[in-house]
């Protein structure tokens, strides 16, 4: 089957952030004396946000703090909940990953349609434009604009209005990106830049260069 389109996540796939939201949460939990490792926290966040199919007031995945603490087996003390709820997770610095431009150029060279499918705030929309990514892809589907978030399969329906099928989706959160793509009837490639998913053995890559090799081997 000839691949026709590649759908691509934005945050921590094409665009990186400093600090990342889970790093902010980790620092707060450690200030309260909880010895949580980064992988445990990230996977708990992934499980928590994957329970929601519609965006919060910012246009991206809701994060229910009490549910997250439940996933971590931490009692939701009032002050701890307040500390987490009152933090801004959407600020900080941002950058374009070094492998992002080459990957998008590879897709273009292979005559593959590319569509960014992202659970995004309006700030992400501005960041994508700052790096001129709308000029490098065939289209962008953003959760704040369409009113659904991955893993809701409907967001991929909007992507198919731009790119033809068969398609494959690339993203960094298995419970959101890959499960969402599978629900929509697409295969997915997990981009595990930080080795949070050692339990996932197939259709996984560490960099977008690895994804390029995967596509050349399996879909060319």
N, C-alpha and C. Protein backbone atom coordinates (compact mmCIF):
# COMPACT_ATOMS: atom_id res chain seq x y z
N UNK A 1 0.84 -1.20 0.00
CA UNK A 1 0.00 0.00 0.00
C UNK A 1 0.88 1.25 0.00
N UNK A 2 0.67 2.14 -0.94
CA UNK A 2 1.50 3.32 -1.09
C UNK A 2 1.06 4.43 -0.13
N UNK A 3 1.97 4.88 0.69
CA UNK A 3 1.68 5.96 1.62
C UNK A 3 1.50 7.26 0.85
N UNK A 4 0.49 8.05 1.24
CA UNK A 4 0.22 9.31 0.55
C UNK A 4 0.40 10.53 1.45
N UNK A 5 0.21 10.36 2.76
CA UNK A 5 0.29 11.51 3.67
C UNK A 5 0.94 11.12 4.99
N UNK A 6 1.59 12.10 5.60
CA UNK A 6 2.14 11.93 6.94
C UNK A 6 1.58 13.04 7.82
N UNK A 7 0.92 12.64 8.91
CA UNK A 7 0.43 13.58 9.89
C UNK A 7 1.48 13.68 11.00
N UNK A 8 1.72 14.88 11.50
CA UNK A 8 2.83 15.10 12.42
C UNK A 8 2.37 15.95 13.61
N UNK A 9 2.70 15.49 14.80
CA UNK A 9 2.47 16.28 16.01
C UNK A 9 3.42 17.47 16.01
N UNK A 10 3.13 18.47 16.85
CA UNK A 10 4.01 19.65 16.93
C UNK A 10 4.88 19.63 18.18
N UNK A 11 4.26 19.72 19.36
CA UNK A 11 5.02 19.82 20.61
C UNK A 11 5.88 18.60 20.89
N UNK A 12 7.18 18.82 21.08
CA UNK A 12 8.19 17.80 21.34
C UNK A 12 8.33 16.81 20.19
N UNK A 13 7.77 17.14 19.04
CA UNK A 13 8.00 16.40 17.81
C UNK A 13 8.74 17.30 16.82
N UNK A 14 8.14 18.44 16.53
CA UNK A 14 8.80 19.45 15.71
C UNK A 14 9.34 20.60 16.57
N UNK A 15 8.58 20.98 17.58
CA UNK A 15 8.91 22.12 18.45
C UNK A 15 9.22 21.62 19.86
N UNK A 16 10.33 22.09 20.42
CA UNK A 16 10.68 21.74 21.80
C UNK A 16 10.47 22.93 22.72
N UNK A 17 10.31 22.63 24.01
CA UNK A 17 10.07 23.68 25.01
C UNK A 17 11.02 23.54 26.19
N UNK A 18 11.36 24.68 26.79
CA UNK A 18 12.15 24.71 28.02
C UNK A 18 11.54 25.72 28.99
N UNK A 19 11.15 25.33 30.19
CA UNK A 19 11.06 23.94 30.64
C UNK A 19 9.83 23.27 30.06
N UNK A 20 9.84 21.95 30.00
CA UNK A 20 8.67 21.20 29.57
C UNK A 20 7.68 21.13 30.73
N UNK A 21 6.41 20.98 30.42
CA UNK A 21 5.38 21.05 31.45
C UNK A 21 5.61 20.01 32.55
N UNK A 22 6.04 18.81 32.16
CA UNK A 22 6.24 17.77 33.18
C UNK A 22 7.43 18.11 34.09
N UNK A 23 8.39 18.89 33.59
CA UNK A 23 9.51 19.31 34.43
C UNK A 23 9.05 20.29 35.50
N UNK A 24 8.09 21.14 35.15
CA UNK A 24 7.53 22.08 36.12
C UNK A 24 6.79 21.31 37.21
N UNK A 25 5.98 20.34 36.80
CA UNK A 25 5.22 19.53 37.76
C UNK A 25 6.17 18.73 38.64
N UNK A 26 7.21 18.17 38.03
CA UNK A 26 8.18 17.37 38.79
C UNK A 26 8.84 18.21 39.88
N UNK A 27 9.21 19.44 39.56
CA UNK A 27 9.86 20.32 40.53
C UNK A 27 8.93 20.61 41.71
N UNK A 28 7.65 20.82 41.43
CA UNK A 28 6.68 21.10 42.50
C UNK A 28 6.53 19.88 43.40
N UNK A 29 6.39 18.70 42.81
CA UNK A 29 6.22 17.48 43.60
C UNK A 29 7.44 17.21 44.47
N UNK A 30 8.61 17.46 43.94
CA UNK A 30 9.83 17.25 44.72
C UNK A 30 9.96 18.28 45.83
N UNK A 31 9.47 19.49 45.60
CA UNK A 31 9.46 20.50 46.66
C UNK A 31 8.59 20.06 47.83
N UNK A 32 7.57 19.26 47.52
CA UNK A 32 6.68 18.75 48.55
C UNK A 32 7.18 17.41 49.12
N UNK A 33 8.35 16.99 48.68
CA UNK A 33 8.97 15.81 49.26
C UNK A 33 8.69 14.50 48.56
N UNK A 34 8.05 14.54 47.40
CA UNK A 34 7.74 13.30 46.68
C UNK A 34 8.88 12.94 45.73
N UNK A 35 9.39 11.74 45.87
CA UNK A 35 10.51 11.28 45.04
C UNK A 35 9.96 10.54 43.83
N UNK A 36 9.62 11.32 42.82
CA UNK A 36 9.04 10.79 41.59
C UNK A 36 10.06 10.90 40.48
N UNK A 37 10.27 9.83 39.71
CA UNK A 37 11.19 9.95 38.58
C UNK A 37 10.45 10.49 37.36
N UNK A 38 11.19 10.99 36.42
CA UNK A 38 10.61 11.69 35.28
C UNK A 38 9.71 10.79 34.44
N UNK A 39 10.15 9.56 34.20
CA UNK A 39 9.36 8.65 33.38
C UNK A 39 8.02 8.34 34.03
N UNK A 40 8.04 8.07 35.32
CA UNK A 40 6.80 7.77 36.05
C UNK A 40 5.82 8.93 35.94
N UNK A 41 6.33 10.14 36.11
CA UNK A 41 5.47 11.32 36.02
C UNK A 41 4.93 11.50 34.61
N UNK A 42 5.80 11.41 33.61
CA UNK A 42 5.37 11.61 32.23
C UNK A 42 4.27 10.63 31.84
N UNK A 43 4.46 9.36 32.20
CA UNK A 43 3.46 8.36 31.84
C UNK A 43 2.15 8.58 32.59
N UNK A 44 2.23 9.08 33.82
CA UNK A 44 1.01 9.40 34.57
C UNK A 44 0.27 10.56 33.92
N UNK A 45 1.01 11.56 33.49
CA UNK A 45 0.39 12.69 32.78
C UNK A 45 -0.27 12.20 31.49
N UNK A 46 0.44 11.35 30.76
CA UNK A 46 -0.10 10.82 29.50
C UNK A 46 -1.40 10.06 29.74
N UNK A 47 -1.44 9.25 30.77
CA UNK A 47 -2.67 8.51 31.07
C UNK A 47 -3.80 9.46 31.43
N UNK A 48 -3.47 10.47 32.20
CA UNK A 48 -4.48 11.42 32.66
C UNK A 48 -5.08 12.23 31.51
N UNK A 49 -4.23 12.82 30.67
CA UNK A 49 -4.75 13.68 29.61
C UNK A 49 -5.43 12.89 28.50
N UNK A 50 -5.09 11.60 28.40
CA UNK A 50 -5.70 10.78 27.34
C UNK A 50 -7.16 10.44 27.63
N UNK A 51 -7.63 10.78 28.83
CA UNK A 51 -9.03 10.50 29.19
C UNK A 51 -9.99 11.54 28.64
N UNK A 52 -9.43 12.60 28.05
CA UNK A 52 -10.26 13.71 27.58
C UNK A 52 -10.19 13.85 26.06
N UNK A 53 -11.34 14.12 25.47
CA UNK A 53 -11.44 14.24 24.02
C UNK A 53 -11.72 15.65 23.54
N UNK A 54 -11.90 16.57 24.49
CA UNK A 54 -12.23 17.94 24.13
C UNK A 54 -11.31 18.90 24.89
N UNK A 55 -10.98 20.04 24.29
CA UNK A 55 -9.96 20.92 24.88
C UNK A 55 -10.45 21.72 26.08
N UNK A 56 -9.47 22.20 26.85
CA UNK A 56 -9.76 23.12 27.96
C UNK A 56 -9.90 24.54 27.42
N UNK A 57 -9.96 25.52 28.34
CA UNK A 57 -10.16 26.90 27.91
C UNK A 57 -9.01 27.46 27.09
N UNK A 58 -7.84 26.81 27.17
CA UNK A 58 -6.69 27.25 26.39
C UNK A 58 -6.66 26.60 24.99
N UNK A 59 -7.48 25.57 24.81
CA UNK A 59 -7.55 24.91 23.51
C UNK A 59 -6.76 23.64 23.41
N UNK A 60 -6.20 23.17 24.52
CA UNK A 60 -5.37 21.97 24.48
C UNK A 60 -5.86 20.95 25.50
N UNK A 61 -5.07 19.89 25.74
CA UNK A 61 -5.50 18.81 26.62
C UNK A 61 -5.77 19.29 28.04
N UNK A 62 -6.95 18.99 28.60
CA UNK A 62 -7.17 19.27 30.02
C UNK A 62 -6.25 18.41 30.88
N UNK A 63 -5.74 18.99 31.96
CA UNK A 63 -4.98 18.21 32.94
C UNK A 63 -5.67 18.36 34.28
N UNK A 64 -6.38 17.32 34.68
CA UNK A 64 -7.05 17.30 35.97
C UNK A 64 -6.02 16.95 37.03
N UNK A 65 -5.67 17.93 37.86
CA UNK A 65 -4.60 17.75 38.84
C UNK A 65 -4.92 16.63 39.81
N UNK A 66 -6.14 16.56 40.27
CA UNK A 66 -6.52 15.51 41.22
C UNK A 66 -6.41 14.13 40.58
N UNK A 67 -6.81 14.04 39.33
CA UNK A 67 -6.69 12.76 38.63
C UNK A 67 -5.22 12.38 38.45
N UNK A 68 -4.38 13.36 38.14
CA UNK A 68 -2.95 13.09 38.00
C UNK A 68 -2.37 12.57 39.31
N UNK A 69 -2.73 13.20 40.41
CA UNK A 69 -2.23 12.75 41.71
C UNK A 69 -2.73 11.34 42.02
N UNK A 70 -3.95 11.04 41.62
CA UNK A 70 -4.48 9.68 41.79
C UNK A 70 -3.63 8.69 41.01
N UNK A 71 -3.26 9.06 39.77
CA UNK A 71 -2.42 8.18 38.95
C UNK A 71 -1.06 7.95 39.60
N UNK A 72 -0.60 8.93 40.37
CA UNK A 72 0.70 8.83 41.05
C UNK A 72 0.59 8.27 42.46
N UNK A 73 -0.64 7.94 42.87
CA UNK A 73 -0.89 7.43 44.21
C UNK A 73 -0.46 8.44 45.28
N UNK A 74 -0.76 9.71 45.02
CA UNK A 74 -0.46 10.80 45.95
C UNK A 74 -1.78 11.41 46.42
N UNK A 75 -1.91 11.59 47.70
CA UNK A 75 -3.14 12.19 48.23
C UNK A 75 -3.22 13.66 47.79
N UNK A 76 -4.40 14.12 47.35
CA UNK A 76 -4.53 15.49 46.84
C UNK A 76 -4.67 16.54 47.94
N UNK A 77 -3.59 16.77 48.66
CA UNK A 77 -3.62 17.80 49.69
C UNK A 77 -3.96 19.15 49.06
N UNK A 78 -4.72 19.95 49.79
CA UNK A 78 -5.24 21.21 49.27
C UNK A 78 -4.12 22.12 48.77
N UNK A 79 -3.05 22.28 49.53
CA UNK A 79 -1.97 23.18 49.14
C UNK A 79 -1.23 22.66 47.91
N UNK A 80 -1.05 21.34 47.84
CA UNK A 80 -0.37 20.74 46.69
C UNK A 80 -1.21 20.96 45.42
N UNK A 81 -2.50 20.71 45.51
CA UNK A 81 -3.38 20.91 44.37
C UNK A 81 -3.34 22.37 43.94
N UNK A 82 -3.39 23.28 44.90
CA UNK A 82 -3.36 24.71 44.60
C UNK A 82 -2.06 25.09 43.89
N UNK A 83 -0.94 24.53 44.34
CA UNK A 83 0.35 24.84 43.72
C UNK A 83 0.41 24.39 42.27
N UNK A 84 -0.20 23.25 41.99
CA UNK A 84 -0.18 22.72 40.62
C UNK A 84 -1.17 23.46 39.72
N UNK A 85 -2.34 23.75 40.25
CA UNK A 85 -3.37 24.41 39.45
C UNK A 85 -2.95 25.82 39.06
N UNK A 86 -2.22 26.50 39.93
CA UNK A 86 -1.88 27.90 39.71
C UNK A 86 -0.62 28.11 38.86
N UNK A 87 0.00 27.04 38.40
CA UNK A 87 1.20 27.19 37.59
C UNK A 87 0.88 27.37 36.12
N UNK A 88 1.69 28.16 35.44
CA UNK A 88 1.55 28.37 33.99
C UNK A 88 2.41 27.34 33.26
N UNK A 89 1.76 26.45 32.53
CA UNK A 89 2.49 25.41 31.80
C UNK A 89 2.69 25.78 30.32
N UNK A 90 2.25 26.95 29.93
CA UNK A 90 2.26 27.30 28.52
C UNK A 90 3.24 28.43 28.18
N UNK A 91 4.09 28.79 29.13
CA UNK A 91 5.08 29.81 28.88
C UNK A 91 6.42 29.18 28.55
N UNK A 92 7.50 29.88 28.85
CA UNK A 92 8.83 29.32 28.66
C UNK A 92 9.38 29.52 27.26
N UNK A 93 10.61 29.06 27.08
CA UNK A 93 11.30 29.19 25.80
C UNK A 93 10.88 28.05 24.86
N UNK A 94 11.15 28.24 23.59
CA UNK A 94 10.82 27.22 22.61
C UNK A 94 11.84 27.24 21.48
N UNK A 95 11.94 26.12 20.76
CA UNK A 95 12.93 26.00 19.69
C UNK A 95 12.45 24.96 18.68
N UNK A 96 12.99 25.05 17.48
CA UNK A 96 12.71 24.08 16.43
C UNK A 96 13.74 22.98 16.51
N UNK A 97 13.30 21.73 16.60
CA UNK A 97 14.25 20.62 16.67
C UNK A 97 15.10 20.59 15.40
N UNK A 98 16.37 20.23 15.57
CA UNK A 98 17.32 20.25 14.46
C UNK A 98 16.91 19.33 13.32
N UNK A 99 16.22 18.25 13.63
CA UNK A 99 15.85 17.30 12.58
C UNK A 99 14.51 17.62 11.92
N UNK A 100 13.82 18.68 12.37
CA UNK A 100 12.47 18.96 11.89
C UNK A 100 12.45 19.40 10.43
N UNK A 101 13.29 20.37 10.08
CA UNK A 101 13.27 20.90 8.71
C UNK A 101 13.66 19.84 7.70
N UNK A 102 14.72 19.09 8.00
CA UNK A 102 15.15 18.02 7.08
C UNK A 102 14.05 16.99 6.88
N UNK A 103 13.33 16.68 7.95
CA UNK A 103 12.27 15.69 7.84
C UNK A 103 11.15 16.20 6.93
N UNK A 104 10.74 17.44 7.12
CA UNK A 104 9.67 18.00 6.29
C UNK A 104 10.11 18.09 4.83
N UNK A 105 11.38 18.40 4.61
CA UNK A 105 11.89 18.45 3.24
C UNK A 105 11.92 17.05 2.62
N UNK A 106 12.22 16.04 3.44
CA UNK A 106 12.19 14.66 2.96
C UNK A 106 10.79 14.28 2.50
N UNK A 107 9.78 14.63 3.29
CA UNK A 107 8.41 14.32 2.91
C UNK A 107 8.04 14.97 1.58
N UNK A 108 8.46 16.22 1.42
CA UNK A 108 8.18 16.92 0.18
C UNK A 108 8.88 16.27 -1.01
N UNK A 109 10.13 15.81 -0.79
CA UNK A 109 10.89 15.18 -1.86
C UNK A 109 10.26 13.86 -2.30
N UNK A 110 9.51 13.25 -1.39
CA UNK A 110 8.85 11.98 -1.70
C UNK A 110 7.42 12.17 -2.19
N UNK A 111 7.05 13.44 -2.40
CA UNK A 111 5.68 13.78 -2.85
C UNK A 111 4.62 13.30 -1.87
N UNK A 112 4.97 13.34 -0.57
CA UNK A 112 4.04 12.99 0.50
C UNK A 112 3.41 14.25 1.06
N UNK A 113 2.11 14.26 1.21
CA UNK A 113 1.45 15.39 1.86
C UNK A 113 1.80 15.37 3.35
N UNK A 114 2.03 16.54 3.92
CA UNK A 114 2.36 16.64 5.33
C UNK A 114 1.35 17.55 6.02
N UNK A 115 0.80 17.06 7.13
CA UNK A 115 -0.20 17.82 7.88
C UNK A 115 0.18 17.80 9.36
N UNK A 116 0.36 18.95 9.94
CA UNK A 116 0.60 19.04 11.38
C UNK A 116 -0.73 18.89 12.10
N UNK A 117 -0.81 17.91 13.01
CA UNK A 117 -2.02 17.65 13.79
C UNK A 117 -1.63 17.80 15.26
N UNK A 118 -2.06 18.90 15.88
CA UNK A 118 -1.52 19.22 17.18
C UNK A 118 -2.59 19.64 18.18
N UNK A 119 -2.45 19.16 19.41
CA UNK A 119 -3.24 19.66 20.53
C UNK A 119 -2.57 20.95 20.97
N UNK A 120 -3.11 22.08 20.52
CA UNK A 120 -2.34 23.32 20.60
C UNK A 120 -3.16 24.49 21.12
N UNK A 121 -2.46 25.36 21.83
CA UNK A 121 -3.01 26.65 22.21
C UNK A 121 -2.76 27.63 21.07
N UNK A 122 -3.33 28.83 21.20
CA UNK A 122 -3.07 29.87 20.20
C UNK A 122 -1.60 30.26 20.19
N UNK A 123 -0.92 30.10 21.33
CA UNK A 123 0.51 30.40 21.38
C UNK A 123 1.28 29.48 20.44
N UNK A 124 0.90 28.20 20.40
CA UNK A 124 1.56 27.28 19.49
C UNK A 124 1.36 27.70 18.05
N UNK A 125 0.18 28.19 17.74
CA UNK A 125 -0.09 28.66 16.38
C UNK A 125 0.90 29.77 16.00
N UNK A 126 1.16 30.68 16.93
CA UNK A 126 2.11 31.77 16.68
C UNK A 126 3.53 31.23 16.52
N UNK A 127 3.87 30.21 17.33
CA UNK A 127 5.21 29.62 17.25
C UNK A 127 5.42 28.93 15.90
N UNK A 128 4.42 28.19 15.46
CA UNK A 128 4.52 27.53 14.16
C UNK A 128 4.75 28.54 13.04
N UNK A 129 4.05 29.66 13.13
CA UNK A 129 4.21 30.70 12.11
C UNK A 129 5.58 31.37 12.22
N UNK A 130 6.07 31.53 13.45
CA UNK A 130 7.39 32.15 13.63
C UNK A 130 8.48 31.32 12.94
N UNK A 131 8.34 30.00 12.99
CA UNK A 131 9.32 29.12 12.34
C UNK A 131 8.94 28.81 10.89
N UNK A 132 7.92 29.52 10.39
CA UNK A 132 7.48 29.40 8.99
C UNK A 132 7.08 27.97 8.61
N UNK A 133 6.57 27.23 9.58
CA UNK A 133 6.18 25.85 9.30
C UNK A 133 4.94 25.75 8.39
N UNK A 134 4.01 26.72 8.44
CA UNK A 134 2.89 26.62 7.50
C UNK A 134 3.33 26.59 6.04
N UNK A 135 4.49 27.17 5.73
CA UNK A 135 5.00 27.17 4.36
C UNK A 135 5.65 25.83 3.99
N UNK A 136 5.96 25.03 5.01
CA UNK A 136 6.69 23.79 4.78
C UNK A 136 5.81 22.55 4.79
N UNK A 137 4.53 22.73 5.10
CA UNK A 137 3.59 21.61 5.14
C UNK A 137 2.37 21.94 4.29
N UNK A 138 1.55 20.93 4.07
CA UNK A 138 0.35 21.14 3.26
C UNK A 138 -0.81 21.72 4.06
N UNK A 139 -0.73 21.59 5.37
CA UNK A 139 -1.80 22.14 6.20
C UNK A 139 -1.56 21.89 7.67
N UNK A 140 -2.35 22.55 8.52
CA UNK A 140 -2.22 22.43 9.96
C UNK A 140 -3.62 22.28 10.57
N UNK A 141 -3.77 21.30 11.46
CA UNK A 141 -5.00 21.10 12.21
C UNK A 141 -4.67 21.30 13.69
N UNK A 142 -5.30 22.32 14.30
CA UNK A 142 -5.01 22.68 15.69
C UNK A 142 -6.24 22.50 16.55
N UNK A 143 -6.06 21.92 17.72
CA UNK A 143 -7.20 21.58 18.57
C UNK A 143 -8.02 22.79 18.97
N UNK A 144 -7.37 23.91 19.24
CA UNK A 144 -8.12 25.09 19.67
C UNK A 144 -9.06 25.58 18.57
N UNK A 145 -8.72 25.27 17.32
CA UNK A 145 -9.52 25.73 16.18
C UNK A 145 -10.65 24.77 15.83
N UNK A 146 -10.44 23.46 16.05
CA UNK A 146 -11.44 22.48 15.64
C UNK A 146 -12.27 21.94 16.79
N UNK A 147 -11.87 22.23 18.04
CA UNK A 147 -12.69 21.87 19.19
C UNK A 147 -12.60 20.44 19.66
N UNK A 148 -11.58 19.71 19.22
CA UNK A 148 -11.32 18.36 19.72
C UNK A 148 -9.82 18.19 19.91
N UNK A 149 -9.44 17.28 20.81
CA UNK A 149 -8.03 16.99 21.04
C UNK A 149 -7.77 15.51 20.84
N UNK A 150 -6.56 15.20 20.39
CA UNK A 150 -6.13 13.80 20.39
C UNK A 150 -6.18 13.31 21.83
N UNK A 151 -6.70 12.11 22.12
CA UNK A 151 -6.89 10.97 21.20
C UNK A 151 -8.26 10.90 20.52
N UNK A 152 -9.04 11.96 20.55
CA UNK A 152 -10.30 11.95 19.80
C UNK A 152 -10.00 11.74 18.31
N UNK A 153 -10.51 10.66 17.71
CA UNK A 153 -10.18 10.38 16.32
C UNK A 153 -10.70 11.43 15.34
N UNK A 154 -11.65 12.25 15.79
CA UNK A 154 -12.23 13.24 14.88
C UNK A 154 -11.20 14.25 14.39
N UNK A 155 -10.18 14.53 15.21
CA UNK A 155 -9.18 15.51 14.79
C UNK A 155 -8.43 15.03 13.54
N UNK A 156 -8.32 13.72 13.39
CA UNK A 156 -7.65 13.18 12.20
C UNK A 156 -8.56 13.26 10.98
N UNK A 157 -9.87 13.32 11.21
CA UNK A 157 -10.80 13.50 10.10
C UNK A 157 -10.52 14.85 9.43
N UNK A 158 -10.26 15.87 10.24
CA UNK A 158 -9.93 17.18 9.68
C UNK A 158 -8.63 17.10 8.87
N UNK A 159 -7.69 16.29 9.34
CA UNK A 159 -6.42 16.14 8.62
C UNK A 159 -6.63 15.49 7.25
N UNK A 160 -7.58 14.57 7.16
CA UNK A 160 -7.83 13.90 5.88
C UNK A 160 -8.50 14.81 4.86
N UNK A 161 -8.98 15.96 5.31
CA UNK A 161 -9.50 16.96 4.37
C UNK A 161 -8.35 17.63 3.60
N UNK A 162 -7.15 17.52 4.19
CA UNK A 162 -5.98 18.14 3.58
C UNK A 162 -5.10 17.12 2.89
N UNK A 163 -4.78 16.05 3.61
CA UNK A 163 -3.93 14.99 3.06
C UNK A 163 -4.72 13.74 2.75
N UNK A 164 -4.37 13.09 1.67
CA UNK A 164 -5.07 11.88 1.26
C UNK A 164 -4.60 10.68 2.08
N UNK A 165 -5.39 9.64 2.08
CA UNK A 165 -5.03 8.39 2.73
C UNK A 165 -4.57 7.40 1.66
N UNK A 166 -3.76 6.40 2.05
CA UNK A 166 -3.29 6.01 3.37
C UNK A 166 -2.35 7.05 3.99
N UNK A 167 -2.45 7.16 5.31
CA UNK A 167 -1.63 8.11 6.05
C UNK A 167 -1.09 7.45 7.30
N UNK A 168 -0.06 8.07 7.86
CA UNK A 168 0.52 7.61 9.12
C UNK A 168 0.76 8.84 9.99
N UNK A 169 0.64 8.67 11.30
CA UNK A 169 0.80 9.80 12.22
C UNK A 169 2.03 9.61 13.09
N UNK A 170 2.76 10.70 13.33
CA UNK A 170 3.96 10.68 14.16
C UNK A 170 3.76 11.60 15.35
N UNK A 171 4.00 11.08 16.56
CA UNK A 171 3.85 11.91 17.75
C UNK A 171 4.58 11.34 18.93
N UNK A 172 4.69 12.12 20.00
CA UNK A 172 5.55 11.75 21.13
C UNK A 172 4.82 11.15 22.32
N UNK A 173 3.48 11.16 22.33
CA UNK A 173 2.73 10.61 23.47
C UNK A 173 1.90 9.43 22.98
N UNK A 174 2.28 8.24 23.36
CA UNK A 174 1.61 7.04 22.86
C UNK A 174 0.11 7.09 23.14
N UNK A 175 -0.25 7.40 24.39
CA UNK A 175 -1.65 7.35 24.80
C UNK A 175 -2.52 8.39 24.08
N UNK A 176 -1.90 9.41 23.54
CA UNK A 176 -2.62 10.48 22.85
C UNK A 176 -2.45 10.37 21.34
N UNK A 177 -1.21 10.35 20.89
CA UNK A 177 -0.93 10.36 19.45
C UNK A 177 -1.20 9.02 18.78
N UNK A 178 -0.62 7.98 19.31
CA UNK A 178 -0.72 6.68 18.64
C UNK A 178 -2.10 6.07 18.84
N UNK A 179 -2.61 6.13 20.07
CA UNK A 179 -3.96 5.61 20.31
C UNK A 179 -4.98 6.40 19.49
N UNK A 180 -4.82 7.71 19.43
CA UNK A 180 -5.74 8.52 18.64
C UNK A 180 -5.70 8.17 17.17
N UNK A 181 -4.49 8.01 16.63
CA UNK A 181 -4.35 7.63 15.22
C UNK A 181 -4.97 6.27 14.96
N UNK A 182 -4.71 5.32 15.85
CA UNK A 182 -5.27 3.98 15.68
C UNK A 182 -6.80 4.01 15.71
N UNK A 183 -7.36 4.84 16.58
CA UNK A 183 -8.82 4.96 16.64
C UNK A 183 -9.39 5.48 15.33
N UNK A 184 -8.60 6.32 14.66
CA UNK A 184 -9.03 6.89 13.39
C UNK A 184 -8.73 5.97 12.21
N UNK A 185 -8.09 4.84 12.48
CA UNK A 185 -7.81 3.87 11.43
C UNK A 185 -6.45 4.02 10.78
N UNK A 186 -5.54 4.77 11.44
CA UNK A 186 -4.20 4.99 10.90
C UNK A 186 -3.14 4.32 11.75
N UNK A 187 -2.03 3.95 11.12
CA UNK A 187 -0.87 3.51 11.88
C UNK A 187 -0.18 4.73 12.48
N UNK A 188 0.63 4.50 13.49
CA UNK A 188 1.37 5.59 14.11
C UNK A 188 2.81 5.20 14.37
N UNK A 189 3.68 6.19 14.40
CA UNK A 189 5.08 6.00 14.80
C UNK A 189 5.31 6.84 16.05
N UNK A 190 5.71 6.20 17.12
CA UNK A 190 5.97 6.90 18.37
C UNK A 190 7.36 7.51 18.33
N UNK A 191 7.45 8.82 18.52
CA UNK A 191 8.74 9.51 18.59
C UNK A 191 9.13 9.61 20.05
N UNK A 192 10.00 8.72 20.49
CA UNK A 192 10.36 8.60 21.91
C UNK A 192 11.72 9.26 22.16
N UNK A 193 11.78 10.59 22.02
CA UNK A 193 13.05 11.31 22.14
C UNK A 193 13.69 11.12 23.51
N UNK A 194 12.90 10.96 24.57
CA UNK A 194 13.43 10.95 25.93
C UNK A 194 13.34 9.59 26.60
N UNK A 195 13.08 8.56 25.81
CA UNK A 195 13.06 7.17 26.30
C UNK A 195 12.07 6.97 27.45
N UNK A 196 10.85 7.45 27.24
CA UNK A 196 9.80 7.26 28.23
C UNK A 196 9.03 5.97 27.99
N UNK A 197 9.25 5.33 26.84
CA UNK A 197 8.42 4.18 26.46
C UNK A 197 9.28 2.95 26.14
N UNK A 198 10.03 2.50 27.10
CA UNK A 198 10.85 1.30 26.89
C UNK A 198 9.99 0.07 26.65
N UNK A 199 8.74 0.12 27.09
CA UNK A 199 7.85 -1.04 26.92
C UNK A 199 7.28 -1.14 25.51
N UNK A 200 7.39 -0.07 24.74
CA UNK A 200 6.91 -0.10 23.35
C UNK A 200 8.08 -0.54 22.47
N UNK A 201 7.89 -1.63 21.75
CA UNK A 201 8.99 -2.23 20.98
C UNK A 201 8.89 -2.01 19.48
N UNK A 202 7.72 -1.68 18.98
CA UNK A 202 7.55 -1.59 17.53
C UNK A 202 7.05 -0.21 17.11
N UNK A 203 7.34 0.15 15.87
CA UNK A 203 6.91 1.44 15.32
C UNK A 203 7.29 2.59 16.26
N UNK A 204 8.56 2.57 16.65
CA UNK A 204 9.07 3.59 17.56
C UNK A 204 10.40 4.11 17.04
N UNK A 205 10.62 5.42 17.21
CA UNK A 205 11.86 6.05 16.76
C UNK A 205 12.34 7.03 17.82
N UNK A 206 13.65 7.30 17.80
CA UNK A 206 14.23 8.23 18.75
C UNK A 206 14.34 9.64 18.18
N UNK A 207 14.47 9.75 16.87
CA UNK A 207 14.60 11.04 16.20
C UNK A 207 13.79 11.01 14.91
N UNK A 208 13.61 12.18 14.31
CA UNK A 208 12.93 12.22 13.02
C UNK A 208 13.79 11.64 11.91
N UNK A 209 15.11 11.61 12.12
CA UNK A 209 15.98 10.92 11.17
C UNK A 209 15.66 9.43 11.17
N UNK A 210 15.39 8.88 12.35
CA UNK A 210 15.00 7.47 12.44
C UNK A 210 13.66 7.24 11.74
N UNK A 211 12.76 8.20 11.87
CA UNK A 211 11.47 8.08 11.20
C UNK A 211 11.66 8.06 9.68
N UNK A 212 12.56 8.89 9.19
CA UNK A 212 12.86 8.91 7.76
C UNK A 212 13.30 7.53 7.29
N UNK A 213 14.22 6.92 8.03
CA UNK A 213 14.69 5.57 7.67
C UNK A 213 13.56 4.56 7.71
N UNK A 214 12.69 4.70 8.71
CA UNK A 214 11.56 3.78 8.86
C UNK A 214 10.63 3.90 7.65
N UNK A 215 10.34 5.12 7.22
CA UNK A 215 9.46 5.32 6.09
C UNK A 215 10.09 4.81 4.80
N UNK A 216 11.38 5.05 4.65
CA UNK A 216 12.07 4.56 3.45
C UNK A 216 12.03 3.04 3.37
N UNK A 217 12.16 2.38 4.51
CA UNK A 217 12.21 0.92 4.55
C UNK A 217 10.83 0.29 4.41
N UNK A 218 9.83 0.89 5.04
CA UNK A 218 8.54 0.24 5.15
C UNK A 218 7.43 0.79 4.25
N UNK A 219 7.64 2.02 3.75
CA UNK A 219 6.54 2.64 3.01
C UNK A 219 6.94 3.15 1.63
N UNK A 220 8.19 2.96 1.24
CA UNK A 220 8.61 3.47 -0.07
C UNK A 220 8.19 2.52 -1.19
